[in-house]
Amino acid sequence: MTTSIKQSERLSVNISSTTAESLRELAARNQTSLTEIVRRAVAVLKLLDDEQRAGSELRLVNRKTGTRRQIHIL
């Protein structure tokens, strides 16, 4: 049986006050830590970037109105 050990890195980043407030709002809304919100954000961005690079189109669909918007990750 192979045991996997999670390794972590400490990063120091400079972000705007608006971004910091958005992170705090998301953490509070989801009842989790700022670290977990950053982890989730990176995971979602990586998924979207990988899919876009593979040729997928990214779209948001409003279930109430049916409005569709295409998303481009820069």
C-alpha atoms as a PDB file:
ATOM      1  CA  MET A   1       0.000   0.000   0.000  1.00  0.00           C
ATOM      2  CA  THR A   2       1.375   3.375  -1.011  1.00  0.00           C
ATOM      3  CA  THR A   3       0.904   6.274   1.357  1.00  0.00           C
ATOM      4  CA  SER A   4       0.482   9.693  -0.199  1.00  0.00           C
ATOM      5  CA  ILE A   5       1.752  12.652   1.774  1.00  0.00           C
ATOM      6  CA  LYS A   6       0.294  16.042   0.930  1.00  0.00           C
ATOM      7  CA  GLN A   7       2.942  18.662   0.620  1.00  0.00           C
ATOM      8  CA  SER A   8       2.072  22.294   0.871  1.00  0.00           C
ATOM      9  CA  GLU A   9       3.794  25.513  -0.016  1.00  0.00           C
ATOM     10  CA  ARG A  10       3.366  28.867   1.592  1.00  0.00           C
ATOM     11  CA  LEU A  11       2.911  31.681  -0.909  1.00  0.00           C
ATOM     12  CA  SER A  12       2.837  35.395  -0.364  1.00  0.00           C
ATOM     13  CA  VAL A  13       0.896  37.337  -2.967  1.00  0.00           C
ATOM     14  CA  ASN A  14      -0.100  40.948  -3.388  1.00  0.00           C
ATOM     15  CA  ILE A  15      -3.769  41.434  -4.232  1.00  0.00           C
ATOM     16  CA  SER A  16      -6.011  44.448  -4.451  1.00  0.00           C
ATOM     17  CA  SER A  17      -8.388  45.306  -1.637  1.00  0.00           C
ATOM     18  CA  THR A  18     -11.272  44.457  -3.973  1.00  0.00           C
ATOM     19  CA  THR A  19      -9.884  40.968  -4.588  1.00  0.00           C
ATOM     20  CA  ALA A  20      -9.246  40.486  -0.863  1.00  0.00           C
ATOM     21  CA  GLU A  21     -12.827  41.474  -0.078  1.00  0.00           C
ATOM     22  CA  SER A  22     -14.135  39.068  -2.731  1.00  0.00           C
ATOM     23  CA  LEU A  23     -12.102  36.246  -1.175  1.00  0.00           C
ATOM     24  CA  ARG A  24     -13.428  37.073   2.302  1.00  0.00           C
ATOM     25  CA  GLU A  25     -17.004  37.235   0.983  1.00  0.00           C
ATOM     26  CA  LEU A  26     -16.672  33.854  -0.733  1.00  0.00           C
ATOM     27  CA  ALA A  27     -15.100  32.294   2.368  1.00  0.00           C
ATOM     28  CA  ALA A  28     -17.925  33.577   4.575  1.00  0.00           C
ATOM     29  CA  ARG A  29     -20.642  32.566   2.114  1.00  0.00           C
ATOM     30  CA  ASN A  30     -19.182  29.055   1.839  1.00  0.00           C
ATOM     31  CA  GLN A  31     -18.229  28.810   5.513  1.00  0.00           C
ATOM     32  CA  THR A  32     -14.643  27.940   4.745  1.00  0.00           C
ATOM     33  CA  SER A  33     -11.159  29.435   4.905  1.00  0.00           C
ATOM     34  CA  LEU A  34      -9.501  31.893   2.561  1.00  0.00           C
ATOM     35  CA  THR A  35      -6.978  29.161   1.750  1.00  0.00           C
ATOM     36  CA  GLU A  36      -9.744  26.788   0.654  1.00  0.00           C
ATOM     37  CA  ILE A  37     -11.331  29.488  -1.504  1.00  0.00           C
ATOM     38  CA  VAL A  38      -7.997  30.099  -3.245  1.00  0.00           C
ATOM     39  CA  ARG A  39      -7.548  26.326  -3.761  1.00  0.00           C
ATOM     40  CA  ARG A  40     -11.010  26.077  -5.316  1.00  0.00           C
ATOM     41  CA  ALA A  41     -10.453  29.122  -7.511  1.00  0.00           C
ATOM     42  CA  VAL A  42      -7.183  27.705  -8.846  1.00  0.00           C
ATOM     43  CA  ALA A  43      -8.801  24.312  -9.488  1.00  0.00           C
ATOM     44  CA  VAL A  44     -11.685  25.898 -11.408  1.00  0.00           C
ATOM     45  CA  LEU A  45      -9.372  28.152 -13.426  1.00  0.00           C
ATOM     46  CA  LYS A  46      -7.149  25.187 -14.317  1.00  0.00           C
ATOM     47  CA  LEU A  47     -10.161  23.121 -15.411  1.00  0.00           C
ATOM     48  CA  LEU A  48     -11.496  25.961 -17.567  1.00  0.00           C
ATOM     49  CA  ASP A  49      -8.073  26.692 -19.058  1.00  0.00           C
ATOM     50  CA  ASP A  50      -7.419  23.001 -19.824  1.00  0.00           C
ATOM     51  CA  GLU A  51     -10.813  22.639 -21.499  1.00  0.00           C
ATOM     52  CA  GLN A  52     -10.418  25.809 -23.539  1.00  0.00           C
ATOM     53  CA  ARG A  53      -6.955  24.722 -24.712  1.00  0.00           C
ATOM     54  CA  ALA A  54      -8.437  21.348 -25.713  1.00  0.00           C
ATOM     55  CA  GLY A  55     -10.906  23.138 -27.975  1.00  0.00           C
ATOM     56  CA  SER A  56     -13.958  23.308 -25.726  1.00  0.00           C
ATOM     57  CA  GLU A  57     -16.181  26.363 -25.673  1.00  0.00           C
ATOM     58  CA  LEU A  58     -17.053  27.681 -22.232  1.00  0.00           C
ATOM     59  CA  ARG A  59     -20.602  28.942 -21.782  1.00  0.00           C
ATOM     60  CA  LEU A  60     -22.869  30.136 -19.011  1.00  0.00           C
ATOM     61  CA  VAL A  61     -26.566  29.420 -19.375  1.00  0.00           C
ATOM     62  CA  ASN A  62     -29.126  31.220 -17.216  1.00  0.00           C
ATOM     63  CA  ARG A  63     -31.665  28.527 -16.296  1.00  0.00           C
ATOM     64  CA  LYS A  64     -34.422  31.051 -15.738  1.00  0.00           C
ATOM     65  CA  THR A  65     -34.093  33.031 -18.968  1.00  0.00           C
ATOM     66  CA  GLY A  66     -32.177  30.654 -21.232  1.00  0.00           C
ATOM     67  CA  THR A  67     -29.666  33.431 -21.929  1.00  0.00           C
ATOM     68  CA  ARG A  68     -26.299  32.045 -23.030  1.00  0.00           C
ATOM     69  CA  ARG A  69     -22.932  33.746 -22.719  1.00  0.00           C
ATOM     70  CA  GLN A  70     -19.610  32.480 -24.001  1.00  0.00           C
ATOM     71  CA  ILE A  71     -16.589  32.827 -21.687  1.00  0.00           C
ATOM     72  CA  HIS A  72     -13.013  33.378 -22.835  1.00  0.00           C
ATOM     73  CA  ILE A  73     -10.201  32.759 -20.335  1.00  0.00           C
ATOM     74  CA  LEU A  74      -7.312  35.092 -21.101  1.00  0.00           C
END
